[in-house]
Protein backbone atom coordinates (compact mmCIF):
# COMPACT_ATOMS: atom_id res chain seq x y z
CA MET A 1 48.77 -0.63 58.93
CA ALA A 2 45.32 -2.20 58.88
CA THR A 3 43.78 1.30 58.91
CA THR A 4 45.86 2.30 55.91
CA GLU A 5 44.78 -0.79 53.93
CA ALA A 6 41.13 -0.19 54.76
CA PHE A 7 41.45 3.44 53.61
CA SER A 8 43.11 2.29 50.38
CA ASP A 9 40.32 -0.17 49.65
CA SER A 10 37.75 2.54 50.24
CA GLN A 11 39.53 4.94 47.87
CA ASP A 12 39.59 2.27 45.16
CA GLY A 13 35.82 1.96 45.46
CA LEU A 14 35.85 -1.69 46.40
CA ASP A 15 33.47 -1.17 49.31
CA ARG A 16 31.11 1.32 47.60
CA PRO A 17 27.46 0.38 48.21
CA GLY A 18 25.69 -1.23 45.24
CA LEU A 19 28.79 -1.74 43.11
CA ASP A 20 28.72 -5.49 43.54
CA ASP A 21 24.98 -5.48 42.72
CA PHE A 22 25.42 -3.91 39.27
CA GLU A 23 25.04 -6.41 36.43
CA TYR A 24 24.82 -5.72 32.68
CA ARG A 25 21.68 -7.12 31.03
CA PRO A 26 21.72 -7.32 27.21
CA LEU A 27 18.79 -5.84 25.31
CA SER A 28 16.54 -8.53 23.87
CA THR A 29 16.88 -8.77 20.09
CA GLY A 30 13.27 -9.87 19.95
CA ALA A 31 12.21 -6.68 21.70
CA ILE A 32 14.16 -4.56 19.20
CA ALA A 33 12.69 -6.48 16.25
CA SER A 34 9.19 -6.10 17.66
CA ALA A 35 9.58 -2.33 18.04
CA VAL A 36 10.89 -1.95 14.48
CA LEU A 37 8.10 -4.12 13.03
CA GLY A 38 5.58 -2.20 15.09
CA VAL A 39 6.66 1.08 13.52
CA LEU A 40 6.61 -0.46 10.03
CA SER A 41 3.11 -1.77 10.73
CA LEU A 42 1.82 1.82 10.60
CA LEU A 43 2.26 1.61 6.83
CA MET A 44 -1.03 -0.29 6.81
CA PHE A 45 -2.84 3.01 7.35
CA VAL A 46 -1.00 4.53 4.38
CA ALA A 47 -1.80 1.55 2.15
CA GLY A 48 -5.38 1.40 3.39
CA ARG A 49 -5.99 4.92 2.17
CA ASP A 50 -5.62 3.68 -1.42
CA SER A 51 -6.46 -0.01 -1.42
CA LEU A 52 -7.87 -2.67 0.88
CA GLN A 53 -5.87 -5.29 -0.98
CA ALA A 54 -2.62 -3.39 -0.47
CA CYS A 55 -3.40 -3.04 3.22
CA LEU A 56 -4.04 -6.79 3.58
CA MET A 57 -0.77 -7.53 1.79
CA LEU A 58 1.06 -5.68 4.58
CA SER A 59 -0.76 -7.53 7.37
CA PRO A 60 2.09 -10.09 7.86
CA ILE A 61 4.26 -7.25 9.23
CA PRO A 62 2.15 -6.59 12.38
CA LEU A 63 1.42 -10.31 12.75
CA VAL A 64 5.14 -11.11 12.87
CA GLY A 65 5.78 -8.09 15.09
CA LEU A 66 3.08 -9.21 17.51
CA THR A 67 4.42 -12.77 17.65
CA VAL A 68 8.02 -11.68 18.13
CA GLY A 69 7.03 -9.11 20.75
CA LEU A 70 5.02 -11.59 22.83
CA LYS A 71 7.87 -14.10 22.72
CA ALA A 72 10.33 -11.39 23.76
CA LEU A 73 8.12 -10.38 26.71
CA ALA A 74 7.85 -14.02 27.79
CA ALA A 75 11.62 -14.44 27.62
CA ILE A 76 12.24 -11.22 29.58
CA ARG A 77 9.68 -12.26 32.18
CA SER A 78 11.31 -15.67 32.65
CA MET A 79 14.85 -14.25 32.76
CA PRO A 80 14.56 -10.77 34.30
CA ASP A 81 18.17 -10.84 35.52
CA GLN A 82 19.54 -11.68 32.06
CA LEU A 83 17.46 -9.70 29.54
CA SER A 84 16.14 -6.15 29.23
CA GLY A 85 13.91 -4.41 26.69
CA ARG A 86 10.47 -4.88 28.19
CA LYS A 87 9.28 -1.40 27.17
CA ALA A 88 10.51 -1.79 23.60
CA ALA A 89 8.66 -5.08 23.27
CA GLN A 90 5.51 -3.58 24.75
CA VAL A 91 5.62 -0.68 22.30
CA GLY A 92 6.09 -3.11 19.40
CA VAL A 93 3.14 -5.25 20.51
CA ALA A 94 0.90 -2.21 21.00
CA LEU A 95 1.73 -0.75 17.57
CA ALA A 96 1.19 -4.13 15.90
CA ILE A 97 -2.26 -4.53 17.47
CA VAL A 98 -3.32 -0.97 16.63
CA SER A 99 -2.08 -1.29 13.04
CA LEU A 100 -3.62 -4.70 12.47
CA ILE A 101 -7.06 -3.83 13.80
CA GLY A 102 -7.14 -0.13 13.01
CA GLY A 103 -5.42 -0.38 9.63
CA ILE A 104 -7.73 -3.08 8.28
CA GLY A 105 -10.75 -1.31 9.74
CA PHE A 106 -9.73 1.97 8.12
CA ALA A 107 -9.05 0.30 4.76
CA GLY A 108 -12.38 -1.51 4.93
CA TYR A 109 -14.21 1.75 5.61
CA VAL A 110 -12.50 3.48 2.67
CA HIS A 111 -13.29 0.54 0.39
CA ALA A 112 -16.94 0.51 1.42
CA THR A 113 -17.50 4.24 1.01
CA GLU A 114 -15.29 5.32 -1.92
CA VAL A 115 -17.66 4.31 -4.75
CA PRO A 116 -20.24 7.03 -5.45
CA ALA A 117 -23.89 6.06 -5.63
CA GLY A 118 -24.93 4.84 -9.06
CA TYR A 119 -21.48 3.59 -10.11
CA VAL A 120 -20.26 -0.01 -10.40
CA ARG A 121 -16.78 -0.81 -9.08
CA THR A 122 -14.37 -2.28 -11.60
CA SER A 123 -10.58 -2.52 -11.96
CA PHE A 124 -7.80 -3.03 -14.45
CA GLN A 125 -7.46 -6.56 -13.16
CA ALA A 126 -11.08 -7.17 -14.20
CA PHE A 127 -10.29 -5.73 -17.65
CA ARG A 128 -7.77 -8.48 -18.29
CA PRO A 129 -9.13 -11.63 -19.99
CA ASP A 130 -8.49 -14.89 -18.17
CA GLU A 131 -7.34 -18.17 -19.69
CA VAL A 132 -10.88 -19.18 -20.65
CA ASP A 133 -11.41 -15.87 -22.46
CA GLU A 134 -8.09 -16.21 -24.27
CA ARG A 135 -8.87 -19.76 -25.42
CA ARG A 136 -12.11 -18.61 -27.03
CA GLY A 137 -10.43 -15.56 -28.50
CA ALA A 138 -12.30 -12.98 -26.41
CA ALA A 139 -10.29 -9.84 -25.71
CA ILE A 140 -12.91 -8.47 -23.33
CA PRO A 141 -14.19 -10.50 -20.34
CA VAL A 142 -17.94 -11.09 -20.39
CA ASP A 143 -18.49 -9.27 -17.09
CA ILE A 144 -16.78 -6.19 -18.52
CA GLN A 145 -18.71 -6.39 -21.79
CA ASN A 146 -21.88 -6.09 -19.73
CA LEU A 147 -20.61 -2.77 -18.33
CA ASP A 148 -20.33 -1.13 -21.75
CA GLY A 149 -22.34 2.09 -21.66
CA LYS A 150 -22.79 1.97 -17.87
CA LYS A 151 -21.33 4.11 -15.12
CA VAL A 152 -18.26 2.53 -13.53
CA PHE A 153 -15.75 3.46 -10.84
CA ILE A 154 -12.05 2.64 -11.22
CA LYS A 155 -8.78 3.59 -9.54
CA GLY A 156 -5.46 4.17 -11.24
CA PHE A 157 -2.55 6.48 -11.98
CA VAL A 158 -2.12 9.09 -14.66
CA ARG A 159 0.59 8.32 -17.18
CA PRO A 160 2.77 11.42 -16.92
CA GLY A 161 3.50 13.78 -19.75
CA THR A 162 1.09 12.62 -22.45
CA THR A 163 -2.55 12.43 -23.36
CA ILE A 164 -4.40 10.68 -26.13
CA THR A 165 -6.38 12.18 -28.97
CA LYS A 166 -9.57 10.66 -30.31
CA ASP A 167 -7.67 8.58 -32.87
CA GLY A 168 -5.37 7.18 -30.19
CA THR A 169 -2.29 9.28 -30.96
CA PRO A 170 -0.14 10.27 -27.95
CA VAL A 171 0.31 14.05 -27.75
CA ARG A 172 1.13 16.63 -25.12
CA ARG A 173 -1.22 16.52 -22.12
CA ARG A 174 -4.44 18.46 -22.07
CA ALA A 175 -6.24 18.96 -18.80
CA GLY A 176 -9.44 17.26 -19.92
CA ARG A 177 -8.05 14.08 -21.48
CA PHE A 178 -5.46 11.69 -20.07
CA LEU A 179 -4.42 8.07 -19.93
CA LEU A 180 -5.24 6.23 -16.71
CA VAL A 181 -3.05 3.18 -16.07
CA ARG A 182 -2.96 0.29 -13.62
CA ASP A 183 -0.02 1.32 -11.46
CA ASN A 184 2.74 3.89 -11.19
CA ASN A 185 5.55 1.49 -11.98
CA GLU A 186 6.57 0.06 -15.38
CA CYS A 187 3.17 0.27 -17.05
CA CYS A 188 3.07 4.02 -16.54
CA PHE A 189 6.51 5.15 -17.58
CA GLY A 190 7.43 2.74 -20.33
CA ASP A 191 6.84 2.93 -24.07
CA GLN A 192 3.20 3.66 -24.87
CA ASN A 193 3.07 0.70 -27.26
CA LYS A 194 4.24 -1.69 -24.53
CA VAL A 195 1.35 -0.91 -22.20
CA LYS A 196 -1.20 -3.73 -22.40
CA TYR A 197 -4.62 -2.62 -23.55
CA TYR A 198 -6.21 -3.98 -20.38
CA ASP A 199 -3.83 -1.94 -18.19
CA GLN A 200 -4.99 1.43 -19.49
CA ALA A 201 -8.09 3.50 -20.10
CA LEU A 202 -8.50 6.76 -21.96
CA VAL A 203 -10.29 9.24 -19.71
CA SER A 204 -12.16 12.25 -21.06
CA LEU A 205 -13.41 14.64 -18.41
CA VAL A 206 -16.85 16.12 -19.04
CA ASP A 207 -18.39 19.41 -17.88
CA ASN A 208 -15.04 21.23 -18.29
CA LYS A 209 -13.50 19.33 -15.39
CA THR A 210 -9.73 19.49 -14.97
CA MET A 211 -7.13 17.47 -13.08
CA ASP A 212 -3.71 18.09 -11.58
CA ASP A 213 -0.63 16.49 -13.08
CA SER A 214 0.11 14.24 -10.12
CA ARG A 215 1.46 10.73 -9.60
CA ARG A 216 -0.97 10.03 -6.80
CA LEU A 217 -3.79 7.50 -7.02
CA PHE A 218 -6.89 8.83 -8.77
CA ARG A 219 -10.48 7.66 -8.26
CA VAL A 220 -12.41 8.07 -11.49
CA GLY A 221 -16.06 7.49 -12.29
CA GLY A 222 -17.92 7.79 -15.57
CA THR A 223 -19.55 6.04 -18.50
CA LEU A 224 -17.48 3.16 -19.89
CA ARG A 225 -17.11 2.71 -23.65
CA ILE A 226 -15.42 -0.40 -25.04
CA LEU A 227 -13.80 -0.72 -28.48
CA PRO A 228 -12.69 -4.38 -28.68
CA GLU A 229 -11.45 -4.05 -32.28
CA ARG A 230 -8.55 -1.96 -30.97
CA SER A 231 -7.16 -4.79 -28.82
CA ARG A 232 -4.76 -5.84 -31.59
CA ALA A 233 -3.53 -2.30 -32.28
CA PRO A 234 -0.61 -1.38 -29.96
CA GLY A 235 -1.08 1.94 -28.21
CA ARG A 236 -4.76 2.30 -29.10
CA PRO A 237 -6.96 2.47 -25.98
CA VAL A 238 -9.68 -0.16 -25.90
CA TYR A 239 -11.38 1.20 -22.79
CA LEU A 240 -12.70 4.76 -22.85
CA LEU A 241 -14.19 6.51 -19.86
CA GLU A 242 -16.34 9.62 -20.11
CA ALA A 243 -15.62 10.78 -16.58
CA ASP A 244 -17.89 12.99 -14.52
CA TYR A 245 -16.30 12.05 -11.19
CA LEU A 246 -12.65 12.59 -10.29
CA GLN A 247 -11.02 12.50 -6.89
């Protein structure tokens, strides 16, 4: 009878080696979060290709991922029998470090080398008058006034579907003349008359240069011409750029 009972217990698996040693360990939520944030941190390289500022704006992602990952590793180390996910946390930490250091370094390199020799960097943000300028009725900031007739470098997006004639009238696009705007969101696709004068510049390509009809970021360099009297006329470009550099 005892032999029969022993055989029955063996068939049920109650005396199988290692069965009593198996224990489920939940995956650390911190490790999962760290891995996800680590992957998202790679966006810093994408942003850094276009703008150092945009890259820096994404820097909280790897910082949070690094912090969460280190805390998850510490928790797993202190409770190895209760938590798993060490590799996920390690991957998240590694990606966060690479993105933080490499992404900012890459963006800094692009920023330092993108302006051609002989051009002065400017931006649509610099075109906008501040509160002091507005109080004294100046539509053009002093620093920008000093760039009139000089070669400048600016980045922006092409407003799709239209171009501007010499008198400021929107017409169908021509390859050599287009409207460059601050971003590819509302200012680009809204009504022409609703685009602020400091968020746009009329670009005329010289030397028979052409451009592709793309929504990507463009780097443009050329001689800046300013027509401040147009600032009160909706849809009339105040800033004109005779561009000899386009990338």
